[in-house]
Structure formats: C-alpha cells, structure tokens
Amino acid sequence: MSELKYHFASDNTAGVCPEAWAALEEANTDFLPSYGDDAVTKKACDAFRDFFETDCDVYFVFNGTAANSLALASLCQSYHSIICHERAHVETDECGAPEFFSNGSKLLIARGANGKLDLDQVRHLITHRHDMHYPKPMGLTLSQSTELGTVYQPTEIQAACALAKEFGLHTHMDGARFANALAALDCKAADITWRAGLDVLCFGGTKLGMAVTEAVVFFDRELGREFAYRCKQAGQLCSKMRFISAQWLRILTDGVWRKHAAHANRMAAMLAAGLGAIPNVKVLYSVDANAVFCMLPPEVENRLQKAGWKHYNFIAGGGSRFMCSWKVSEGDVKALIADAKGS
C-alpha cells in the first residue's frame, strides 16, 4: 500500500494555520500575567463580543469534549437531563464526559433526519413524563454543523430554542465546526446564536486551524457565573492563556475565520461533485459545510485503500466520511477523485 494520506480523515489532521502560528510567535515576546489576566486575552474576549454583537462571557479550554461537557454541566443539576440527537458527539464520542462532569445528568436521545433534531420527538421527551422518577429535562443541545455535515438554518435554530424555552430548558450548541456552518449560511453570527435563543455556544477553534483551543461563549452570563471554577477543577485553566487567546484574536480579525472555513466548504463541494460522478457512488447527505458522506462500492473503497487514503466509515451508518480542512487543496481533492476512479 502507498504511504498513508490523512488529508481527508479529519479536520484535526491538518496542522496549525499560518495566522494562528504567527499569533503564537507574537505572544511569545515578553513576561505577561498568567491565567488570562493579560491584555491579549482581554482583547480576544472583546473580539468575541464584537463578533457576536453582544456582551457575552468567554472562556477558553483545550478541547471540544471539555467545552461541551463543562458547558452542559452548567445548565443542569445531577437529577436533570439533556436532550440531544442520536448522532450528537456528546452522545457517541465523548466517553460519558457530559454525564461525568454534570455528576450524572442523563442524555435523552431524539432522532431526526439528516442529523437534525425532530422537534416533535423533542417535545415528546420533554412532556411525556413529569414524575420525580424521571430525570427532568433541563437542557437541549444542537450540533452546528451536524455530525452528518448538514447545517441548521436560522429558522430551525429559532424553532428549537423556542420549544426549549417554552418548557424552561436551557440551550447549548456544539459548534466544533461553527465557523464552517456560519460561512455556509453567510449570515450574522448573532442570527444563529443568541438572537435565535441560544444560551451557550462551544465555538471550535482546533478544527478551524488553531492549536489546542476551543471557546465557550455564554450569551446568558448568569449560566456561566461560576464557569471559571469548573475550568480550574477540570484541569482546563491554561496558565499561559495568551497563547490560546492570541490565536482567537487573530482568527476573528479581518475575516480570517471566514477565509479558512469557506475554503474548506468549497473543497467539500468539489469533492462531493467528483465522487458523486463515479458510477455507483452515492452522496448520502447534503454537503452544507466541510463534510462529505458517501456510500462507496467495494471496488472504489479498495482503490482508495490501496492508494493510501484514510477516512472513517463508522460515523455515517455504513457510509464513508471525508472531511475537508483549511489546508486541503484542490490538488488533494483531484488526487483523491482520480484514485477513486482508478485513473
């Protein structure tokens, strides 16, 4: 087999983008206060407030599992429950961390086409029991973009949040690929977050091209009132915070985030078109952001394996997932398509 190629295995396999790398170097210049009490971190937090057009509260952690788990724990007591999609990352890929950090809040599973929550199922989970033997629903979490690469429209987020608020539930968004979704929608960040009724967002930085950083953004500041303590207790408080926050400050400036997210989305659209033109290859879901899910016939799968291309096939219910990052090039896409064709 050829040398292994991880270009499309995950958007985590790409390196650090040039802007984030430069920001790290710029932050490495002098002695500065630790634990976030530095000017760079304060500027980064203000950049988030400008980006979302509201006075939000911002915290930085090292990875998405911590971001989601600690944020969800802020919404619930141990006897509460959180409603999520059956394919949500918090359900399938976080090793019980949301339950662990919330001291036992139960995840309640709803289904829905294309990775999106069916709100009728959500309503049923909220309303079908009210006795103390059942973990009272207190949180609703959405993934944007979804685990199947689709994107919630602003009206869909509004409807989900309105349903949650009708019954007093708090709302959370797993935004590991929030930038890709936002670039695809070409709307204001506020329109798919707090203006739509969202309480807290976990904004993915690592998949966007940064090194070891995610942002937890509380639009309802009261919910995040003691979040700093959760971060410290969970080992998520960065002592040299400027190296995290400097990256965010640069990425949120001058449309850098959009450049990288939109590029990844374009590469995914190009890849989907090329793979979809191969006989017996079926693109399974709408390619709204930077993920392509395909059903590949054995001969195509074998050709890709022989050529060394790595991808995941355990996420899409039998399909194969290809992720496009900020670093994937048109040449990479054309090479994979050529190998899939056997040309």
Protein backbone atom coordinates (compact mmCIF):
# COMPACT_ATOMS: atom_id res chain seq x y z
CA MET A 1 0.00 0.00 0.00
CA SER A 2 1.11 3.57 -0.65
CA GLU A 3 2.16 5.97 2.06
CA LEU A 4 -0.83 6.81 4.23
CA LYS A 5 -2.62 10.06 3.39
CA TYR A 6 -4.65 11.62 6.23
CA HIS A 7 -5.77 14.69 4.28
CA PHE A 8 -9.48 13.78 4.47
CA ALA A 9 -9.57 11.61 7.58
CA SER A 10 -10.45 14.52 9.85
CA ASP A 11 -10.09 18.28 10.00
CA ASN A 12 -7.97 17.55 13.08
CA THR A 13 -5.23 16.03 10.94
CA ALA A 14 -4.29 19.38 9.37
CA GLY A 15 -1.64 21.50 11.02
CA VAL A 16 -1.92 24.97 12.50
CA CYS A 17 -2.90 27.66 10.02
CA PRO A 18 -0.33 30.41 9.30
CA GLU A 19 -2.28 33.13 11.09
CA ALA A 20 -2.58 31.14 14.31
CA TRP A 21 1.09 30.14 14.11
CA ALA A 22 2.09 33.78 13.72
CA ALA A 23 -0.12 34.72 16.67
CA LEU A 24 1.66 32.15 18.83
CA GLU A 25 5.02 33.63 17.92
CA GLU A 26 3.80 37.18 18.56
CA ALA A 27 2.54 36.15 22.01
CA ASN A 28 5.97 34.75 22.87
CA THR A 29 7.66 38.10 23.33
CA ASP A 30 7.64 39.19 26.96
CA PHE A 31 6.61 38.47 30.52
CA LEU A 32 2.82 38.74 30.88
CA PRO A 33 0.32 37.96 33.64
CA SER A 34 -0.86 34.36 33.78
CA TYR A 35 -4.23 32.59 33.90
CA GLY A 36 -5.89 35.02 31.48
CA ASP A 37 -5.15 38.24 33.32
CA ASP A 38 -3.24 39.61 30.33
CA ALA A 39 -4.07 42.26 27.75
CA VAL A 40 -4.13 39.79 24.85
CA THR A 41 -6.82 37.67 26.47
CA LYS A 42 -8.90 40.73 27.30
CA LYS A 43 -8.69 41.88 23.66
CA ALA A 44 -9.65 38.40 22.45
CA CYS A 45 -12.73 38.36 24.68
CA ASP A 46 -13.72 41.78 23.36
CA ALA A 47 -13.25 40.45 19.82
CA PHE A 48 -15.84 37.77 20.58
CA ARG A 49 -18.24 40.45 21.84
CA ASP A 50 -17.78 42.37 18.61
CA PHE A 51 -18.16 39.20 16.56
CA PHE A 52 -21.44 38.24 18.23
CA GLU A 53 -22.64 41.83 18.73
CA THR A 54 -23.45 41.27 22.39
CA ASP A 55 -21.89 41.36 25.84
CA CYS A 56 -21.15 37.63 26.09
CA ASP A 57 -18.90 35.89 28.60
CA VAL A 58 -15.98 33.98 27.05
CA TYR A 59 -13.80 31.15 28.38
CA PHE A 60 -11.04 29.18 26.67
CA VAL A 61 -10.45 25.45 27.14
CA PHE A 62 -8.19 22.92 25.48
CA ASN A 63 -10.59 20.60 23.62
CA GLY A 64 -14.15 20.07 22.48
CA THR A 65 -15.05 17.35 24.95
CA ALA A 66 -14.21 19.65 27.85
CA ALA A 67 -16.02 22.56 26.24
CA ASN A 68 -19.23 20.62 25.69
CA SER A 69 -19.17 18.71 28.95
CA LEU A 70 -18.41 21.66 31.20
CA ALA A 71 -20.91 23.88 29.38
CA LEU A 72 -23.68 21.30 29.67
CA ALA A 73 -22.85 20.77 33.34
CA SER A 74 -23.51 24.48 33.84
CA LEU A 75 -27.08 24.04 32.58
CA CYS A 76 -28.17 21.17 34.78
CA GLN A 77 -28.23 19.54 38.17
CA SER A 78 -27.38 15.86 38.51
CA TYR A 79 -31.07 14.89 38.53
CA HIS A 80 -31.78 16.71 35.26
CA SER A 81 -31.48 15.52 31.67
CA ILE A 82 -30.22 16.93 28.38
CA ILE A 83 -31.87 16.21 25.04
CA CYS A 84 -29.57 15.56 22.09
CA HIS A 85 -29.65 13.96 18.65
CA GLU A 86 -28.83 10.27 18.50
CA ARG A 87 -25.71 11.04 16.44
CA ALA A 88 -24.59 14.00 18.52
CA HIS A 89 -20.94 13.99 19.50
CA VAL A 90 -21.87 14.33 23.18
CA GLU A 91 -23.73 11.02 22.88
CA THR A 92 -21.45 8.98 20.63
CA ASP A 93 -17.89 10.25 21.06
CA GLU A 94 -17.21 11.79 24.45
CA CYS A 95 -16.88 8.70 26.63
CA GLY A 96 -19.60 9.76 29.05
CA ALA A 97 -17.90 13.08 29.82
CA PRO A 98 -21.14 15.13 29.86
CA GLU A 99 -22.61 12.76 32.44
CA PHE A 100 -19.36 12.69 34.40
CA PHE A 101 -18.87 16.45 34.68
CA SER A 102 -22.55 17.05 35.45
CA ASN A 103 -22.44 14.39 38.18
CA GLY A 104 -24.96 12.26 36.35
CA SER A 105 -27.28 14.38 34.20
CA LYS A 106 -28.77 11.90 31.74
CA LEU A 107 -28.66 12.32 27.96
CA LEU A 108 -32.07 11.74 26.37
CA ILE A 109 -31.87 10.72 22.72
CA ALA A 110 -34.04 12.11 19.94
CA ARG A 111 -33.89 11.16 16.30
CA GLY A 112 -34.22 13.29 13.23
CA ALA A 113 -33.38 13.22 9.54
CA ASN A 114 -30.02 14.47 8.27
CA GLY A 115 -28.52 14.81 11.74
CA LYS A 116 -31.06 17.41 12.84
CA LEU A 117 -33.40 17.08 15.81
CA ASP A 118 -37.02 16.19 15.11
CA LEU A 119 -38.80 18.74 17.29
CA ASP A 120 -41.85 16.51 17.70
CA GLN A 121 -39.59 13.96 19.34
CA VAL A 122 -38.02 16.67 21.46
CA ARG A 123 -41.45 17.82 22.63
CA HIS A 124 -42.37 14.22 23.48
CA LEU A 125 -39.23 13.76 25.57
CA ILE A 126 -39.99 16.97 27.45
CA THR A 127 -43.67 16.34 28.08
CA HIS A 128 -44.37 12.61 28.30
CA ARG A 129 -43.44 12.33 31.99
CA HIS A 130 -43.45 14.73 34.93
CA ASP A 131 -42.89 12.45 37.93
CA MET A 132 -39.83 12.52 40.14
CA HIS A 133 -38.71 9.07 38.93
CA TYR A 134 -37.77 10.59 35.56
CA PRO A 135 -34.76 12.90 35.06
CA LYS A 136 -36.35 16.28 34.42
CA PRO A 137 -35.32 17.73 31.03
CA MET A 138 -33.35 20.93 31.56
CA GLY A 139 -31.11 21.22 28.52
CA LEU A 140 -31.31 20.98 24.74
CA THR A 141 -28.16 20.68 22.65
CA LEU A 142 -27.74 21.18 18.90
CA SER A 143 -24.70 20.46 16.71
CA GLN A 144 -23.81 23.11 14.13
CA SER A 145 -22.76 21.86 11.67
CA THR A 146 -24.29 18.48 12.46
CA GLU A 147 -22.42 15.20 12.72
CA LEU A 148 -23.64 14.42 9.19
CA GLY A 149 -22.31 17.64 7.73
CA THR A 150 -25.65 19.38 7.39
CA VAL A 151 -26.36 22.89 8.66
CA TYR A 152 -29.28 24.17 10.71
CA GLN A 153 -30.91 27.21 9.11
CA PRO A 154 -31.54 30.22 11.39
CA THR A 155 -35.27 29.49 11.44
CA GLU A 156 -34.61 25.90 12.52
CA ILE A 157 -32.46 27.07 15.42
CA GLN A 158 -35.11 29.61 16.38
CA ALA A 159 -37.77 26.89 16.41
CA ALA A 160 -35.67 24.51 18.51
CA CYS A 161 -34.77 27.22 21.02
CA ALA A 162 -38.36 28.45 21.20
CA LEU A 163 -39.54 24.94 22.03
CA ALA A 164 -36.88 24.62 24.72
CA LYS A 165 -37.74 27.98 26.25
CA GLU A 166 -41.44 27.11 26.24
CA PHE A 167 -40.67 24.45 28.83
CA GLY A 168 -37.86 26.23 30.67
CA LEU A 169 -34.93 24.34 29.13
CA HIS A 170 -31.53 25.93 28.57
CA THR A 171 -29.97 25.71 25.11
CA HIS A 172 -26.46 24.71 24.07
CA MET A 173 -24.72 24.40 20.73
CA ASP A 174 -21.82 22.10 19.94
CA GLY A 175 -20.07 24.32 17.43
CA ALA A 176 -16.97 22.26 16.72
CA ARG A 177 -17.48 23.36 13.10
CA PHE A 178 -19.47 26.51 13.85
CA ALA A 179 -17.28 28.60 11.54
CA ASN A 180 -17.99 26.28 8.61
CA ALA A 181 -21.71 26.49 9.25
CA LEU A 182 -21.60 30.27 9.58
CA ALA A 183 -19.62 30.64 6.35
CA ALA A 184 -22.12 28.41 4.56
CA LEU A 185 -25.11 30.40 5.80
CA ASP A 186 -23.47 33.77 5.14
CA CYS A 187 -25.40 35.39 7.97
CA LYS A 188 -24.51 37.20 11.17
CA ALA A 189 -23.11 35.04 13.97
CA ALA A 190 -25.76 36.51 16.26
CA ASP A 191 -28.53 35.24 13.98
CA ILE A 192 -27.75 31.59 14.70
CA THR A 193 -26.85 32.05 18.35
CA TRP A 194 -28.30 34.44 20.91
CA ARG A 195 -30.80 36.13 18.59
CA ALA A 196 -32.18 32.67 17.87
CA GLY A 197 -32.46 31.89 21.59
CA LEU A 198 -29.16 30.13 22.29
CA ASP A 199 -27.73 30.33 25.82
CA VAL A 200 -24.22 28.93 25.33
CA LEU A 201 -22.03 28.06 22.35
CA CYS A 202 -18.91 25.89 22.22
CA PHE A 203 -17.02 27.50 19.33
CA GLY A 204 -14.50 25.15 17.77
CA GLY A 205 -11.02 26.52 17.21
CA THR A 206 -8.93 23.42 16.63
CA LYS A 207 -10.81 22.27 13.54
CA LEU A 208 -10.68 25.83 12.21
CA GLY A 209 -6.88 25.76 12.18
CA MET A 210 -5.80 26.73 15.67
CA ALA A 211 -3.71 24.77 18.14
CA VAL A 212 -5.41 23.23 21.16
CA THR A 213 -8.19 25.71 21.82
CA GLU A 214 -11.97 25.91 21.97
CA ALA A 215 -14.06 28.84 23.21
CA VAL A 216 -17.09 28.54 25.47
CA VAL A 217 -19.34 31.54 24.92
CA PHE A 218 -22.14 32.26 27.38
CA PHE A 219 -24.83 34.54 25.98
CA ASP A 220 -26.73 34.04 29.21
CA ARG A 221 -23.98 35.27 31.51
CA GLU A 222 -25.75 34.04 34.63
CA LEU A 223 -25.38 30.42 33.47
CA GLY A 224 -21.61 30.90 33.25
CA ARG A 225 -21.28 32.77 36.53
CA GLU A 226 -19.05 30.10 38.13
CA PHE A 227 -17.69 28.56 34.95
CA ALA A 228 -14.14 29.63 35.78
CA TYR A 229 -14.25 27.29 38.78
CA ARG A 230 -15.39 24.40 36.57
CA CYS A 231 -12.49 25.04 34.22
CA LYS A 232 -9.98 25.10 37.05
CA GLN A 233 -11.35 21.95 38.69
CA ALA A 234 -11.37 20.08 35.38
CA GLY A 235 -7.76 20.98 34.55
CA GLN A 236 -8.87 23.29 31.73
CA LEU A 237 -7.48 26.58 33.00
CA CYS A 238 -4.47 27.49 30.88
CA SER A 239 -1.70 29.16 32.87
CA LYS A 240 -0.16 30.79 29.78
CA MET A 241 -3.56 31.83 28.46
CA ARG A 242 -2.15 34.35 26.00
CA PHE A 243 -1.02 31.53 23.71
CA ILE A 244 -4.64 30.41 23.38
CA SER A 245 -6.30 33.80 23.24
CA ALA A 246 -3.81 35.31 20.79
CA GLN A 247 -4.85 32.77 18.19
CA TRP A 248 -8.53 33.67 18.59
CA LEU A 249 -7.77 37.37 18.39
CA ARG A 250 -6.02 36.87 15.05
CA ILE A 251 -8.56 34.43 13.59
CA LEU A 252 -11.52 36.69 14.41
CA THR A 253 -9.79 39.68 12.80
CA ASP A 254 -10.08 40.68 9.13
CA GLY A 255 -12.25 37.70 8.19
CA VAL A 256 -9.52 35.09 8.67
CA TRP A 257 -12.04 32.62 10.10
CA ARG A 258 -14.25 33.02 7.04
CA LYS A 259 -11.37 32.55 4.61
CA HIS A 260 -10.43 29.18 6.07
CA ALA A 261 -13.96 27.94 6.71
CA ALA A 262 -15.24 28.93 3.28
CA HIS A 263 -12.25 27.30 1.61
CA ALA A 264 -12.89 24.02 3.44
CA ASN A 265 -16.54 24.18 2.42
CA ARG A 266 -15.63 24.76 -1.23
CA MET A 267 -13.27 21.80 -1.18
CA ALA A 268 -16.03 19.60 0.24
CA ALA A 269 -18.44 20.68 -2.51
CA MET A 270 -15.78 19.94 -5.13
CA LEU A 271 -15.07 16.54 -3.60
CA ALA A 272 -18.76 15.63 -3.42
CA ALA A 273 -19.26 16.54 -7.07
CA GLY A 274 -16.27 14.45 -8.14
CA LEU A 275 -17.10 11.39 -6.07
CA GLY A 276 -20.80 11.64 -6.90
CA ALA A 277 -19.98 11.41 -10.62
CA ILE A 278 -18.35 7.99 -10.17
CA PRO A 279 -20.72 5.12 -11.06
CA ASN A 280 -22.42 3.54 -8.02
CA VAL A 281 -21.09 6.14 -5.58
CA LYS A 282 -23.91 7.76 -3.63
CA VAL A 283 -23.51 11.00 -1.70
CA LEU A 284 -25.64 10.37 1.38
CA TYR A 285 -26.38 13.83 2.77
CA SER A 286 -26.49 17.42 1.69
CA VAL A 287 -22.97 18.83 1.65
CA ASP A 288 -23.69 22.03 3.54
CA ALA A 289 -20.31 22.58 5.19
CA ASN A 290 -16.97 20.75 5.03
CA ALA A 291 -18.03 17.09 5.31
CA VAL A 292 -18.84 14.59 2.58
CA PHE A 293 -20.55 11.30 3.37
CA CYS A 294 -20.64 8.68 0.62
CA MET A 295 -21.66 5.10 0.10
CA LEU A 296 -18.75 3.61 -1.81
CA PRO A 297 -18.89 0.37 -3.75
CA PRO A 298 -16.19 -2.15 -2.73
CA GLU A 299 -14.05 -1.55 -5.80
CA VAL A 300 -13.84 2.20 -5.08
CA GLU A 301 -13.14 1.58 -1.40
CA ASN A 302 -10.36 -0.84 -2.36
CA ARG A 303 -8.79 1.61 -4.79
CA LEU A 304 -8.68 4.33 -2.14
CA GLN A 305 -7.25 1.96 0.43
CA LYS A 306 -4.59 0.77 -1.98
CA ALA A 307 -3.65 4.37 -2.76
CA GLY A 308 -3.24 5.09 0.96
CA TRP A 309 -6.19 7.41 1.58
CA LYS A 310 -7.52 7.29 5.14
CA HIS A 311 -11.12 8.07 6.03
CA TYR A 312 -13.68 7.00 8.59
CA ASN A 313 -16.56 4.66 7.87
CA PHE A 314 -18.06 4.18 11.34
CA ILE A 315 -19.80 7.55 11.65
CA ALA A 316 -22.37 7.63 8.86
CA GLY A 317 -24.20 4.38 9.50
CA GLY A 318 -22.29 2.40 6.89
CA GLY A 319 -21.12 5.31 4.76
CA SER A 320 -17.64 6.79 4.43
CA ARG A 321 -16.82 10.25 5.77
CA PHE A 322 -14.38 12.66 4.14
CA MET A 323 -13.55 15.89 5.97
CA CYS A 324 -12.04 18.95 4.33
CA SER A 325 -9.89 21.25 6.44
CA TRP A 326 -8.45 24.72 5.90
CA LYS A 327 -5.35 23.07 4.44
CA VAL A 328 -6.91 20.69 1.90
CA SER A 329 -6.11 21.90 -1.61
CA GLU A 330 -7.75 21.50 -4.99
CA GLY A 331 -4.83 19.25 -5.87
CA ASP A 332 -5.62 16.99 -2.90
CA VAL A 333 -9.27 16.75 -3.95
CA LYS A 334 -8.40 15.97 -7.57
CA ALA A 335 -5.88 13.32 -6.50
CA LEU A 336 -8.40 11.50 -4.30
CA ILE A 337 -11.06 11.61 -7.02
CA ALA A 338 -8.57 10.26 -9.58
CA ASP A 339 -7.62 7.40 -7.28
CA ALA A 340 -11.28 6.66 -6.57
CA LYS A 341 -11.89 6.44 -10.31
CA GLY A 342 -8.77 4.33 -10.84
CA SER A 343 -7.48 6.78 -13.43
